[in-house]
């Protein structure tokens, strides 16, 4: 249960957090009295700061007279003090103009989203495309590569493309492959990949004598193409912006944050956590099982369409992130991408 602070303590804690977000420097009592109209003496502010330090909300770096907020302070600030205002129509219009999606493939849209979020926030933008299993089947195509090997191209209803190489009957020619593609595109269209797998499993359990040779080959090829889980796709933009933050200025911290942003597995695990909840989610370093993101915060939101395709986007930056600015950007962008996915689905 969160500790209860009186109004004076809350006001001073809020001032310290917001000053630290702006300056990245320890905050002293005199600075508080100069910048904020509390009608308190520096001595009174020092007493409150001392109490907050004893409670674990502040800490003193080295011999500095100032204090910096701990992760506990940021948790309290986000949960109890932070005020987020909805974007005005003018702000929404300005944001919308930043995104230029006309004529783009879905992969390019994902990259553009990460790039724009990074530019707007001055931190690193992350976008995880909808998971393969949650996408809706639109089209599959088989292209012969070499003797006994086929390239399978799967296209989802939202335009996501997945490629896979499979082993196949070396005697299958272009005409047979075209017939197989046509058969599968007709039979499986509109199903999610999970439904496709269930349908294929049920069909393959039936008496094989029910099917002619073409249908048997189609079922075998589609099972080989779709039975394994494909890797999730994560787009990262603005990695260098993280290295400009004073928190990551030492060589060890630079290496750690670079490794984290280059680790697809770590990023997927972090972004996966937000898919269990609706709306904007905020994860502070210590909430994660990943030591690599200690000192970082992740602000995320899901985007989706009505047919079940769910992806995640967000911004990763230092814990002293200006949440009141970043949260509306992430929230609005997720809503915008959801509308784009809906529109793409309606055109099919």
C-alpha atoms as a PDB file:
ATOM      1  CA  UNK A   1       0.000   0.000   0.000  1.00  0.00           C
ATOM      2  CA  UNK A   2       1.337   3.430  -0.976  1.00  0.00           C
ATOM      3  CA  UNK A   3       2.404   5.700   1.855  1.00  0.00           C
ATOM      4  CA  UNK A   4       0.210   8.723   2.516  1.00  0.00           C
ATOM      5  CA  UNK A   5       1.912  12.110   2.316  1.00  0.00           C
ATOM      6  CA  UNK A   6       0.421  15.350   3.567  1.00  0.00           C
ATOM      7  CA  UNK A   7      -0.219  18.182   1.131  1.00  0.00           C
ATOM      8  CA  UNK A   8       3.016  20.017   1.926  1.00  0.00           C
ATOM      9  CA  UNK A   9       5.124  16.906   1.394  1.00  0.00           C
ATOM     10  CA  UNK A  10       3.286  16.108  -1.837  1.00  0.00           C
ATOM     11  CA  UNK A  11       3.840  19.614  -3.186  1.00  0.00           C
ATOM     12  CA  UNK A  12       7.543  19.576  -2.390  1.00  0.00           C
ATOM     13  CA  UNK A  13       8.013  16.054  -3.759  1.00  0.00           C
ATOM     14  CA  UNK A  14       6.212  17.035  -6.958  1.00  0.00           C
ATOM     15  CA  UNK A  15       8.416  20.117  -7.308  1.00  0.00           C
ATOM     16  CA  UNK A  16      11.599  18.078  -6.784  1.00  0.00           C
ATOM     17  CA  UNK A  17      10.572  15.420  -9.323  1.00  0.00           C
ATOM     18  CA  UNK A  18       9.631  17.963 -11.974  1.00  0.00           C
ATOM     19  CA  UNK A  19      12.752  20.070 -11.414  1.00  0.00           C
ATOM     20  CA  UNK A  20      14.880  16.940 -11.646  1.00  0.00           C
ATOM     21  CA  UNK A  21      13.115  15.883 -14.859  1.00  0.00           C
ATOM     22  CA  UNK A  22      14.045  19.253 -16.360  1.00  0.00           C
ATOM     23  CA  UNK A  23      17.607  19.604 -15.099  1.00  0.00           C
ATOM     24  CA  UNK A  24      18.904  16.076 -14.352  1.00  0.00           C
ATOM     25  CA  UNK A  25      20.675  17.738 -11.402  1.00  0.00           C
ATOM     26  CA  UNK A  26      20.179  17.331  -7.642  1.00  0.00           C
ATOM     27  CA  UNK A  27      17.582  19.743  -6.297  1.00  0.00           C
ATOM     28  CA  UNK A  28      18.278  21.853  -3.201  1.00  0.00           C
ATOM     29  CA  UNK A  29      15.923  23.581  -0.773  1.00  0.00           C
ATOM     30  CA  UNK A  30      16.927  27.076  -1.913  1.00  0.00           C
ATOM     31  CA  UNK A  31      16.194  26.184  -5.526  1.00  0.00           C
ATOM     32  CA  UNK A  32      12.759  24.939  -4.458  1.00  0.00           C
ATOM     33  CA  UNK A  33      11.901  28.193  -2.677  1.00  0.00           C
ATOM     34  CA  UNK A  34      13.154  30.268  -5.642  1.00  0.00           C
ATOM     35  CA  UNK A  35      11.293  28.353  -8.348  1.00  0.00           C
ATOM     36  CA  UNK A  36       8.049  27.585  -6.549  1.00  0.00           C
ATOM     37  CA  UNK A  37       5.677  29.796  -4.571  1.00  0.00           C
ATOM     38  CA  UNK A  38       5.259  27.674  -1.440  1.00  0.00           C
ATOM     39  CA  UNK A  39       5.681  30.566   1.037  1.00  0.00           C
ATOM     40  CA  UNK A  40       8.109  28.389   2.977  1.00  0.00           C
ATOM     41  CA  UNK A  41      11.606  29.121   4.177  1.00  0.00           C
ATOM     42  CA  UNK A  42      14.534  27.017   2.891  1.00  0.00           C
ATOM     43  CA  UNK A  43      14.807  25.576   6.418  1.00  0.00           C
ATOM     44  CA  UNK A  44      11.178  24.372   6.331  1.00  0.00           C
ATOM     45  CA  UNK A  45      11.715  22.848   2.892  1.00  0.00           C
ATOM     46  CA  UNK A  46      14.894  21.139   4.159  1.00  0.00           C
ATOM     47  CA  UNK A  47      12.932  19.588   7.029  1.00  0.00           C
ATOM     48  CA  UNK A  48      10.345  18.179   4.628  1.00  0.00           C
ATOM     49  CA  UNK A  49      13.096  16.920   2.301  1.00  0.00           C
ATOM     50  CA  UNK A  50      14.769  15.219   5.256  1.00  0.00           C
ATOM     51  CA  UNK A  51      11.507  13.447   6.088  1.00  0.00           C
ATOM     52  CA  UNK A  52      11.056  12.396   2.455  1.00  0.00           C
ATOM     53  CA  UNK A  53      14.594  11.026   2.419  1.00  0.00           C
ATOM     54  CA  UNK A  54      13.932   8.964   5.536  1.00  0.00           C
ATOM     55  CA  UNK A  55      10.825   7.557   3.833  1.00  0.00           C
ATOM     56  CA  UNK A  56      12.850   6.519   0.784  1.00  0.00           C
ATOM     57  CA  UNK A  57      11.522   9.105  -1.668  1.00  0.00           C
ATOM     58  CA  UNK A  58      14.785  11.056  -1.979  1.00  0.00           C
ATOM     59  CA  UNK A  59      18.466  10.269  -1.855  1.00  0.00           C
ATOM     60  CA  UNK A  60      21.615  12.374  -1.627  1.00  0.00           C
ATOM     61  CA  UNK A  61      24.229  11.816  -4.326  1.00  0.00           C
ATOM     62  CA  UNK A  62      27.772  12.067  -2.967  1.00  0.00           C
ATOM     63  CA  UNK A  63      28.305  15.275  -0.971  1.00  0.00           C
ATOM     64  CA  UNK A  64      25.803  17.389  -2.879  1.00  0.00           C
ATOM     65  CA  UNK A  65      23.487  19.570  -0.834  1.00  0.00           C
ATOM     66  CA  UNK A  66      20.692  18.678  -3.208  1.00  0.00           C
ATOM     67  CA  UNK A  67      18.517  15.581  -3.398  1.00  0.00           C
ATOM     68  CA  UNK A  68      17.324  13.440  -6.283  1.00  0.00           C
ATOM     69  CA  UNK A  69      14.075  11.449  -6.410  1.00  0.00           C
ATOM     70  CA  UNK A  70      14.275   7.676  -6.131  1.00  0.00           C
ATOM     71  CA  UNK A  71      12.249   5.194  -8.205  1.00  0.00           C
ATOM     72  CA  UNK A  72       9.842   5.098  -5.261  1.00  0.00           C
ATOM     73  CA  UNK A  73       9.332   8.840  -5.721  1.00  0.00           C
ATOM     74  CA  UNK A  74       8.645   8.415  -9.432  1.00  0.00           C
ATOM     75  CA  UNK A  75       6.139   5.645  -8.704  1.00  0.00           C
ATOM     76  CA  UNK A  76       4.348   7.933  -6.250  1.00  0.00           C
ATOM     77  CA  UNK A  77       4.520  10.859  -8.656  1.00  0.00           C
ATOM     78  CA  UNK A  78       3.036   8.820 -11.522  1.00  0.00           C
ATOM     79  CA  UNK A  79       0.345   7.165  -9.388  1.00  0.00           C
ATOM     80  CA  UNK A  80      -0.728  10.123  -7.243  1.00  0.00           C
ATOM     81  CA  UNK A  81       0.547  13.462  -8.503  1.00  0.00           C
ATOM     82  CA  UNK A  82       0.890  13.360 -12.285  1.00  0.00           C
ATOM     83  CA  UNK A  83      -1.840  15.178 -14.180  1.00  0.00           C
ATOM     84  CA  UNK A  84      -2.304  14.264 -17.827  1.00  0.00           C
ATOM     85  CA  UNK A  85      -4.435  16.436 -20.055  1.00  0.00           C
ATOM     86  CA  UNK A  86      -5.980  15.252 -23.299  1.00  0.00           C
ATOM     87  CA  UNK A  87      -4.485  16.694 -26.449  1.00  0.00           C
ATOM     88  CA  UNK A  88      -6.350  19.626 -27.905  1.00  0.00           C
ATOM     89  CA  UNK A  89      -7.728  19.362 -31.445  1.00  0.00           C
ATOM     90  CA  UNK A  90      -4.895  21.612 -32.616  1.00  0.00           C
ATOM     91  CA  UNK A  91      -2.271  19.376 -30.958  1.00  0.00           C
ATOM     92  CA  UNK A  92      -3.857  16.266 -32.463  1.00  0.00           C
ATOM     93  CA  UNK A  93      -3.774  17.888 -35.896  1.00  0.00           C
ATOM     94  CA  UNK A  94      -0.100  18.807 -35.474  1.00  0.00           C
ATOM     95  CA  UNK A  95       0.721  15.254 -34.429  1.00  0.00           C
ATOM     96  CA  UNK A  96      -1.273  13.758 -37.277  1.00  0.00           C
ATOM     97  CA  UNK A  97       0.667  15.886 -39.753  1.00  0.00           C
ATOM     98  CA  UNK A  98       3.900  14.373 -38.433  1.00  0.00           C
ATOM     99  CA  UNK A  99       2.753  10.954 -39.597  1.00  0.00           C
ATOM    100  CA  UNK A 100       2.737  10.413 -43.346  1.00  0.00           C
ATOM    101  CA  UNK A 101       1.332   6.988 -44.100  1.00  0.00           C
ATOM    102  CA  UNK A 102      -0.076   7.505 -47.583  1.00  0.00           C
ATOM    103  CA  UNK A 103       0.768   4.549 -49.826  1.00  0.00           C
ATOM    104  CA  UNK A 104       3.001   2.865 -47.228  1.00  0.00           C
ATOM    105  CA  UNK A 105       3.199  -0.848 -46.548  1.00  0.00           C
ATOM    106  CA  UNK A 106       2.399  -1.856 -42.988  1.00  0.00           C
ATOM    107  CA  UNK A 107       6.097  -2.508 -42.196  1.00  0.00           C
ATOM    108  CA  UNK A 108       6.967   0.990 -43.371  1.00  0.00           C
ATOM    109  CA  UNK A 109       4.144   2.411 -41.254  1.00  0.00           C
ATOM    110  CA  UNK A 110       5.605   0.669 -38.184  1.00  0.00           C
ATOM    111  CA  UNK A 111       9.035   2.187 -38.910  1.00  0.00           C
ATOM    112  CA  UNK A 112       7.525   5.619 -39.457  1.00  0.00           C
ATOM    113  CA  UNK A 113       5.633   5.413 -36.150  1.00  0.00           C
ATOM    114  CA  UNK A 114       8.819   4.618 -34.243  1.00  0.00           C
ATOM    115  CA  UNK A 115      10.729   7.386 -36.014  1.00  0.00           C
ATOM    116  CA  UNK A 116       8.101  10.046 -35.301  1.00  0.00           C
ATOM    117  CA  UNK A 117       7.617   9.027 -31.643  1.00  0.00           C
ATOM    118  CA  UNK A 118      11.373   9.178 -31.161  1.00  0.00           C
ATOM    119  CA  UNK A 119      11.559  12.624 -32.737  1.00  0.00           C
ATOM    120  CA  UNK A 120       8.649  13.990 -30.709  1.00  0.00           C
ATOM    121  CA  UNK A 121       9.859  12.626 -27.371  1.00  0.00           C
ATOM    122  CA  UNK A 122      13.647  12.857 -27.930  1.00  0.00           C
ATOM    123  CA  UNK A 123      13.921   9.284 -26.674  1.00  0.00           C
ATOM    124  CA  UNK A 124      13.939   5.876 -28.360  1.00  0.00           C
ATOM    125  CA  UNK A 125      10.771   4.782 -30.149  1.00  0.00           C
ATOM    126  CA  UNK A 126       9.744   1.102 -30.108  1.00  0.00           C
ATOM    127  CA  UNK A 127       7.083  -0.602 -32.214  1.00  0.00           C
ATOM    128  CA  UNK A 128       6.247  -4.313 -32.102  1.00  0.00           C
ATOM    129  CA  UNK A 129       4.178  -5.346 -35.103  1.00  0.00           C
ATOM    130  CA  UNK A 130       1.066  -7.468 -34.493  1.00  0.00           C
ATOM    131  CA  UNK A 131       1.964 -11.020 -33.551  1.00  0.00           C
ATOM    132  CA  UNK A 132       1.848 -13.495 -36.408  1.00  0.00           C
ATOM    133  CA  UNK A 133      -0.643 -15.770 -34.623  1.00  0.00           C
ATOM    134  CA  UNK A 134      -3.057 -12.864 -34.093  1.00  0.00           C
ATOM    135  CA  UNK A 135      -3.087 -11.767 -37.730  1.00  0.00           C
ATOM    136  CA  UNK A 136      -5.844 -12.630 -40.211  1.00  0.00           C
ATOM    137  CA  UNK A 137      -5.024 -14.668 -43.294  1.00  0.00           C
ATOM    138  CA  UNK A 138      -5.355 -12.883 -46.626  1.00  0.00           C
ATOM    139  CA  UNK A 139      -2.996 -14.505 -49.105  1.00  0.00           C
ATOM    140  CA  UNK A 140      -0.284 -17.134 -49.436  1.00  0.00           C
ATOM    141  CA  UNK A 141       2.071 -17.669 -52.364  1.00  0.00           C
ATOM    142  CA  UNK A 142       4.680 -20.335 -53.105  1.00  0.00           C
ATOM    143  CA  UNK A 143       7.802 -19.604 -55.161  1.00  0.00           C
ATOM    144  CA  UNK A 144      10.292 -22.306 -56.149  1.00  0.00           C
ATOM    145  CA  UNK A 145      13.837 -21.510 -55.031  1.00  0.00           C
ATOM    146  CA  UNK A 146      15.718 -24.670 -55.879  1.00  0.00           C
ATOM    147  CA  UNK A 147      15.213 -28.413 -56.090  1.00  0.00           C
ATOM    148  CA  UNK A 148      12.828 -29.355 -53.262  1.00  0.00           C
ATOM    149  CA  UNK A 149      12.778 -25.884 -51.625  1.00  0.00           C
ATOM    150  CA  UNK A 150      10.004 -23.271 -51.708  1.00  0.00           C
ATOM    151  CA  UNK A 151       9.769 -19.680 -50.513  1.00  0.00           C
ATOM    152  CA  UNK A 152       6.401 -19.135 -48.822  1.00  0.00           C
ATOM    153  CA  UNK A 153       5.097 -15.556 -48.757  1.00  0.00           C
ATOM    154  CA  UNK A 154       2.247 -14.973 -46.305  1.00  0.00           C
ATOM    155  CA  UNK A 155       0.329 -11.685 -46.329  1.00  0.00           C
ATOM    156  CA  UNK A 156      -2.003 -10.714 -43.487  1.00  0.00           C
ATOM    157  CA  UNK A 157      -5.181  -8.704 -43.858  1.00  0.00           C
ATOM    158  CA  UNK A 158      -3.404  -5.613 -42.537  1.00  0.00           C
ATOM    159  CA  UNK A 159      -0.564  -6.009 -45.039  1.00  0.00           C
ATOM    160  CA  UNK A 160       2.080  -7.607 -42.812  1.00  0.00           C
ATOM    161  CA  UNK A 161       4.335  -9.914 -44.811  1.00  0.00           C
ATOM    162  CA  UNK A 162       6.097 -13.023 -43.486  1.00  0.00           C
ATOM    163  CA  UNK A 163       8.526 -15.142 -45.502  1.00  0.00           C
ATOM    164  CA  UNK A 164       9.603 -18.712 -44.837  1.00  0.00           C
ATOM    165  CA  UNK A 165      11.575 -21.369 -46.699  1.00  0.00           C
ATOM    166  CA  UNK A 166      10.172 -24.937 -46.569  1.00  0.00           C
ATOM    167  CA  UNK A 167      10.989 -28.342 -48.040  1.00  0.00           C
ATOM    168  CA  UNK A 168       8.538 -29.623 -50.667  1.00  0.00           C
ATOM    169  CA  UNK A 169       7.999 -32.216 -53.370  1.00  0.00           C
ATOM    170  CA  UNK A 170      10.635 -31.399 -56.013  1.00  0.00           C
ATOM    171  CA  UNK A 171       8.201 -32.359 -58.786  1.00  0.00           C
ATOM    172  CA  UNK A 172       5.793 -29.531 -57.988  1.00  0.00           C
ATOM    173  CA  UNK A 173       5.805 -27.087 -60.888  1.00  0.00           C
ATOM    174  CA  UNK A 174       4.682 -23.444 -61.145  1.00  0.00           C
ATOM    175  CA  UNK A 175       1.218 -24.412 -62.370  1.00  0.00           C
ATOM    176  CA  UNK A 176       0.595 -26.801 -59.462  1.00  0.00           C
ATOM    177  CA  UNK A 177       1.893 -24.224 -56.989  1.00  0.00           C
ATOM    178  CA  UNK A 178      -0.453 -21.602 -58.406  1.00  0.00           C
ATOM    179  CA  UNK A 179      -3.422 -23.987 -58.063  1.00  0.00           C
ATOM    180  CA  UNK A 180      -2.413 -24.779 -54.477  1.00  0.00           C
ATOM    181  CA  UNK A 181      -2.156 -21.067 -53.625  1.00  0.00           C
ATOM    182  CA  UNK A 182      -5.575 -20.376 -55.157  1.00  0.00           C
ATOM    183  CA  UNK A 183      -7.136 -23.257 -53.245  1.00  0.00           C
ATOM    184  CA  UNK A 184      -5.682 -22.146 -49.897  1.00  0.00           C
ATOM    185  CA  UNK A 185      -6.470 -18.462 -50.459  1.00  0.00           C
ATOM    186  CA  UNK A 186     -10.098 -19.382 -51.041  1.00  0.00           C
ATOM    187  CA  UNK A 187     -10.342 -21.897 -48.203  1.00  0.00           C
ATOM    188  CA  UNK A 188      -8.519 -19.966 -45.457  1.00  0.00           C
ATOM    189  CA  UNK A 189      -9.334 -16.346 -46.256  1.00  0.00           C
ATOM    190  CA  UNK A 190     -10.593 -14.373 -43.252  1.00  0.00           C
ATOM    191  CA  UNK A 191      -9.328 -16.821 -40.602  1.00  0.00           C
ATOM    192  CA  UNK A 192      -6.791 -15.893 -37.944  1.00  0.00           C
ATOM    193  CA  UNK A 193      -3.575 -17.893 -38.036  1.00  0.00           C
ATOM    194  CA  UNK A 194      -4.708 -19.716 -34.895  1.00  0.00           C
ATOM    195  CA  UNK A 195      -7.936 -20.704 -36.690  1.00  0.00           C
ATOM    196  CA  UNK A 196      -5.952 -21.704 -39.771  1.00  0.00           C
ATOM    197  CA  UNK A 197      -3.756 -24.020 -37.698  1.00  0.00           C
ATOM    198  CA  UNK A 198      -6.780 -25.561 -36.004  1.00  0.00           C
ATOM    199  CA  UNK A 199      -8.509 -26.053 -39.371  1.00  0.00           C
ATOM    200  CA  UNK A 200      -5.429 -27.674 -40.896  1.00  0.00           C
ATOM    201  CA  UNK A 201      -4.984 -29.977 -37.900  1.00  0.00           C
ATOM    202  CA  UNK A 202      -8.636 -31.082 -38.127  1.00  0.00           C
ATOM    203  CA  UNK A 203      -8.452 -31.593 -41.902  1.00  0.00           C
ATOM    204  CA  UNK A 204      -5.262 -33.623 -41.684  1.00  0.00           C
ATOM    205  CA  UNK A 205      -6.820 -35.937 -39.081  1.00  0.00           C
ATOM    206  CA  UNK A 206      -9.609 -36.919 -41.462  1.00  0.00           C
ATOM    207  CA  UNK A 207      -9.383 -39.822 -43.864  1.00  0.00           C
ATOM    208  CA  UNK A 208      -6.891 -38.769 -46.515  1.00  0.00           C
ATOM    209  CA  UNK A 209      -8.815 -40.611 -49.198  1.00  0.00           C
ATOM    210  CA  UNK A 210     -11.338 -37.760 -49.050  1.00  0.00           C
ATOM    211  CA  UNK A 211      -8.913 -35.446 -50.804  1.00  0.00           C
ATOM    212  CA  UNK A 212      -7.497 -35.445 -54.281  1.00  0.00           C
ATOM    213  CA  UNK A 213      -3.777 -35.068 -54.828  1.00  0.00           C
ATOM    214  CA  UNK A 214      -3.890 -31.263 -55.136  1.00  0.00           C
ATOM    215  CA  UNK A 215      -5.759 -30.853 -51.835  1.00  0.00           C
ATOM    216  CA  UNK A 216      -3.375 -33.189 -50.035  1.00  0.00           C
ATOM    217  CA  UNK A 217      -0.393 -31.209 -51.279  1.00  0.00           C
ATOM    218  CA  UNK A 218      -2.065 -27.928 -50.348  1.00  0.00           C
ATOM    219  CA  UNK A 219      -2.748 -29.083 -46.792  1.00  0.00           C
ATOM    220  CA  UNK A 220       0.787 -30.412 -46.363  1.00  0.00           C
ATOM    221  CA  UNK A 221       2.412 -27.236 -47.706  1.00  0.00           C
ATOM    222  CA  UNK A 222       0.247 -24.880 -45.663  1.00  0.00           C
ATOM    223  CA  UNK A 223       0.881 -26.871 -42.486  1.00  0.00           C
ATOM    224  CA  UNK A 224       4.635 -26.701 -43.113  1.00  0.00           C
ATOM    225  CA  UNK A 225       4.389 -22.963 -43.829  1.00  0.00           C
ATOM    226  CA  UNK A 226       2.237 -21.966 -40.858  1.00  0.00           C
ATOM    227  CA  UNK A 227       2.752 -24.500 -38.088  1.00  0.00           C
ATOM    228  CA  UNK A 228       5.813 -22.845 -36.499  1.00  0.00           C
ATOM    229  CA  UNK A 229       5.659 -19.533 -34.666  1.00  0.00           C
ATOM    230  CA  UNK A 230       7.494 -16.833 -36.573  1.00  0.00           C
ATOM    231  CA  UNK A 231       9.631 -14.301 -34.780  1.00  0.00           C
ATOM    232  CA  UNK A 232       8.021 -11.085 -33.635  1.00  0.00           C
ATOM    233  CA  UNK A 233       9.117  -7.974 -35.484  1.00  0.00           C
ATOM    234  CA  UNK A 234      10.348  -4.993 -33.468  1.00  0.00           C
ATOM    235  CA  UNK A 235      11.277  -1.632 -34.973  1.00  0.00           C
ATOM    236  CA  UNK A 236      13.656   0.584 -32.968  1.00  0.00           C
ATOM    237  CA  UNK A 237      14.224   4.266 -33.761  1.00  0.00           C
ATOM    238  CA  UNK A 238      16.428   6.884 -32.139  1.00  0.00           C
ATOM    239  CA  UNK A 239      18.896   4.693 -30.256  1.00  0.00           C
ATOM    240  CA  UNK A 240      21.488   7.474 -30.290  1.00  0.00           C
ATOM    241  CA  UNK A 241      19.106   9.786 -28.405  1.00  0.00           C
ATOM    242  CA  UNK A 242      19.383   7.568 -25.318  1.00  0.00           C
ATOM    243  CA  UNK A 243      23.150   7.979 -25.324  1.00  0.00           C
ATOM    244  CA  UNK A 244      22.740  11.755 -25.150  1.00  0.00           C
ATOM    245  CA  UNK A 245      21.057  11.477 -21.737  1.00  0.00           C
ATOM    246  CA  UNK A 246      23.372  12.218 -18.781  1.00  0.00           C
ATOM    247  CA  UNK A 247      22.205   9.030 -17.010  1.00  0.00           C
ATOM    248  CA  UNK A 248      23.894   6.941 -19.684  1.00  0.00           C
ATOM    249  CA  UNK A 249      27.055   8.987 -20.172  1.00  0.00           C
ATOM    250  CA  UNK A 250      29.482   6.510 -18.591  1.00  0.00           C
ATOM    251  CA  UNK A 251      30.982   3.791 -20.825  1.00  0.00           C
ATOM    252  CA  UNK A 252      29.445   0.940 -18.789  1.00  0.00           C
ATOM    253  CA  UNK A 253      25.951   2.399 -18.930  1.00  0.00           C
ATOM    254  CA  UNK A 254      26.323   3.191 -22.621  1.00  0.00           C
ATOM    255  CA  UNK A 255      27.251  -0.412 -23.371  1.00  0.00           C
ATOM    256  CA  UNK A 256      24.373  -1.721 -21.276  1.00  0.00           C
ATOM    257  CA  UNK A 257      21.709   0.416 -22.930  1.00  0.00           C
ATOM    258  CA  UNK A 258      23.049  -0.330 -26.423  1.00  0.00           C
ATOM    259  CA  UNK A 259      22.953  -4.075 -25.686  1.00  0.00           C
ATOM    260  CA  UNK A 260      19.385  -3.723 -24.430  1.00  0.00           C
ATOM    261  CA  UNK A 261      18.170  -1.858 -27.504  1.00  0.00           C
ATOM    262  CA  UNK A 262      19.916  -4.348 -29.764  1.00  0.00           C
ATOM    263  CA  UNK A 263      18.460  -7.344 -27.923  1.00  0.00           C
ATOM    264  CA  UNK A 264      15.301  -8.304 -29.764  1.00  0.00           C
ATOM    265  CA  UNK A 265      14.390 -10.905 -27.148  1.00  0.00           C
ATOM    266  CA  UNK A 266      14.563  -8.394 -24.274  1.00  0.00           C
ATOM    267  CA  UNK A 267      12.522  -5.777 -26.129  1.00  0.00           C
ATOM    268  CA  UNK A 268       9.840  -8.322 -27.066  1.00  0.00           C
ATOM    269  CA  UNK A 269       9.546  -9.467 -23.446  1.00  0.00           C
ATOM    270  CA  UNK A 270       9.205  -5.862 -22.282  1.00  0.00           C
ATOM    271  CA  UNK A 271       6.596  -4.973 -24.905  1.00  0.00           C
ATOM    272  CA  UNK A 272       4.705  -8.223 -24.346  1.00  0.00           C
ATOM    273  CA  UNK A 273       3.977  -7.195 -20.766  1.00  0.00           C
ATOM    274  CA  UNK A 274       1.789  -4.300 -21.850  1.00  0.00           C
ATOM    275  CA  UNK A 275      -0.450  -6.452 -24.070  1.00  0.00           C
ATOM    276  CA  UNK A 276      -2.255  -7.849 -21.038  1.00  0.00           C
ATOM    277  CA  UNK A 277      -3.784  -4.452 -20.200  1.00  0.00           C
ATOM    278  CA  UNK A 278      -5.652  -1.668 -21.904  1.00  0.00           C
ATOM    279  CA  UNK A 279      -4.491   1.920 -22.247  1.00  0.00           C
ATOM    280  CA  UNK A 280      -1.100   3.421 -21.534  1.00  0.00           C
ATOM    281  CA  UNK A 281       1.236   1.383 -19.323  1.00  0.00           C
ATOM    282  CA  UNK A 282       4.333   2.707 -17.542  1.00  0.00           C
ATOM    283  CA  UNK A 283       7.153   0.404 -16.484  1.00  0.00           C
ATOM    284  CA  UNK A 284      10.030   1.683 -14.389  1.00  0.00           C
ATOM    285  CA  UNK A 285      13.338  -0.207 -14.483  1.00  0.00           C
ATOM    286  CA  UNK A 286      13.046  -2.069 -11.193  1.00  0.00           C
ATOM    287  CA  UNK A 287       9.579  -3.361 -12.154  1.00  0.00           C
ATOM    288  CA  UNK A 288      11.227  -5.401 -14.869  1.00  0.00           C
ATOM    289  CA  UNK A 289      13.195  -8.594 -14.425  1.00  0.00           C
ATOM    290  CA  UNK A 290      15.788  -7.121 -16.785  1.00  0.00           C
ATOM    291  CA  UNK A 291      18.712  -5.486 -14.990  1.00  0.00           C
ATOM    292  CA  UNK A 292      19.693  -3.999 -18.359  1.00  0.00           C
ATOM    293  CA  UNK A 293      16.966  -1.348 -18.187  1.00  0.00           C
ATOM    294  CA  UNK A 294      17.737  -0.179 -14.669  1.00  0.00           C
ATOM    295  CA  UNK A 295      17.433   3.590 -14.711  1.00  0.00           C
ATOM    296  CA  UNK A 296      14.960   3.503 -17.623  1.00  0.00           C
ATOM    297  CA  UNK A 297      11.215   3.871 -17.995  1.00  0.00           C
ATOM    298  CA  UNK A 298       9.053   2.399 -20.719  1.00  0.00           C
ATOM    299  CA  UNK A 299       5.750   4.033 -21.708  1.00  0.00           C
ATOM    300  CA  UNK A 300       3.643   1.784 -23.950  1.00  0.00           C
ATOM    301  CA  UNK A 301       0.204   1.309 -25.423  1.00  0.00           C
ATOM    302  CA  UNK A 302      -1.411  -1.341 -27.622  1.00  0.00           C
ATOM    303  CA  UNK A 303      -2.851  -0.829 -31.063  1.00  0.00           C
ATOM    304  CA  UNK A 304      -5.292  -3.253 -32.641  1.00  0.00           C
ATOM    305  CA  UNK A 305      -8.144  -3.820 -35.031  1.00  0.00           C
ATOM    306  CA  UNK A 306     -11.473  -5.534 -34.483  1.00  0.00           C
ATOM    307  CA  UNK A 307     -10.198  -8.763 -36.020  1.00  0.00           C
ATOM    308  CA  UNK A 308      -7.721  -9.383 -33.227  1.00  0.00           C
ATOM    309  CA  UNK A 309      -4.395  -8.151 -34.577  1.00  0.00           C
ATOM    310  CA  UNK A 310      -2.583  -6.611 -31.597  1.00  0.00           C
ATOM    311  CA  UNK A 311       0.720  -4.758 -31.623  1.00  0.00           C
ATOM    312  CA  UNK A 312       2.510  -2.544 -29.113  1.00  0.00           C
ATOM    313  CA  UNK A 313       4.289   0.778 -29.406  1.00  0.00           C
ATOM    314  CA  UNK A 314       6.070   2.968 -26.926  1.00  0.00           C
ATOM    315  CA  UNK A 315       8.978   5.120 -25.858  1.00  0.00           C
ATOM    316  CA  UNK A 316      11.912   4.091 -23.691  1.00  0.00           C
ATOM    317  CA  UNK A 317      13.950   6.738 -21.900  1.00  0.00           C
ATOM    318  CA  UNK A 318      15.465   7.621 -18.528  1.00  0.00           C
ATOM    319  CA  UNK A 319      13.290   7.393 -15.410  1.00  0.00           C
ATOM    320  CA  UNK A 320      13.251  11.215 -15.286  1.00  0.00           C
ATOM    321  CA  UNK A 321      11.091  11.266 -18.383  1.00  0.00           C
ATOM    322  CA  UNK A 322       8.577  14.132 -18.854  1.00  0.00           C
ATOM    323  CA  UNK A 323       5.609  11.780 -18.540  1.00  0.00           C
ATOM    324  CA  UNK A 324       3.014  14.501 -19.005  1.00  0.00           C
ATOM    325  CA  UNK A 325       4.380  15.042 -22.533  1.00  0.00           C
ATOM    326  CA  UNK A 326       5.266  11.470 -23.491  1.00  0.00           C
ATOM    327  CA  UNK A 327       2.052   9.751 -22.364  1.00  0.00           C
ATOM    328  CA  UNK A 328      -0.290  11.753 -24.671  1.00  0.00           C
ATOM    329  CA  UNK A 329       2.057  11.144 -27.634  1.00  0.00           C
ATOM    330  CA  UNK A 330       2.069   7.375 -27.054  1.00  0.00           C
ATOM    331  CA  UNK A 331      -1.672   7.238 -26.393  1.00  0.00           C
ATOM    332  CA  UNK A 332      -2.649   9.265 -29.473  1.00  0.00           C
ATOM    333  CA  UNK A 333      -0.238   7.358 -31.725  1.00  0.00           C
ATOM    334  CA  UNK A 334      -1.687   3.995 -30.628  1.00  0.00           C
ATOM    335  CA  UNK A 335      -5.199   5.237 -31.408  1.00  0.00           C
ATOM    336  CA  UNK A 336      -4.049   6.545 -34.783  1.00  0.00           C
ATOM    337  CA  UNK A 337      -2.386   3.254 -35.774  1.00  0.00           C
ATOM    338  CA  UNK A 338      -5.479   1.317 -34.650  1.00  0.00           C
ATOM    339  CA  UNK A 339      -7.609   3.431 -36.968  1.00  0.00           C
ATOM    340  CA  UNK A 340      -5.195   2.770 -39.831  1.00  0.00           C
ATOM    341  CA  UNK A 341      -5.393  -1.006 -39.237  1.00  0.00           C
ATOM    342  CA  UNK A 342      -9.190  -0.813 -39.185  1.00  0.00           C
ATOM    343  CA  UNK A 343      -9.205   1.155 -42.424  1.00  0.00           C
ATOM    344  CA  UNK A 344      -6.861  -1.331 -44.110  1.00  0.00           C
ATOM    345  CA  UNK A 345      -9.104  -4.206 -43.018  1.00  0.00           C
ATOM    346  CA  UNK A 346     -12.215  -2.459 -44.354  1.00  0.00           C
ATOM    347  CA  UNK A 347     -10.627  -2.104 -47.786  1.00  0.00           C
ATOM    348  CA  UNK A 348     -10.158  -5.848 -48.110  1.00  0.00           C
END
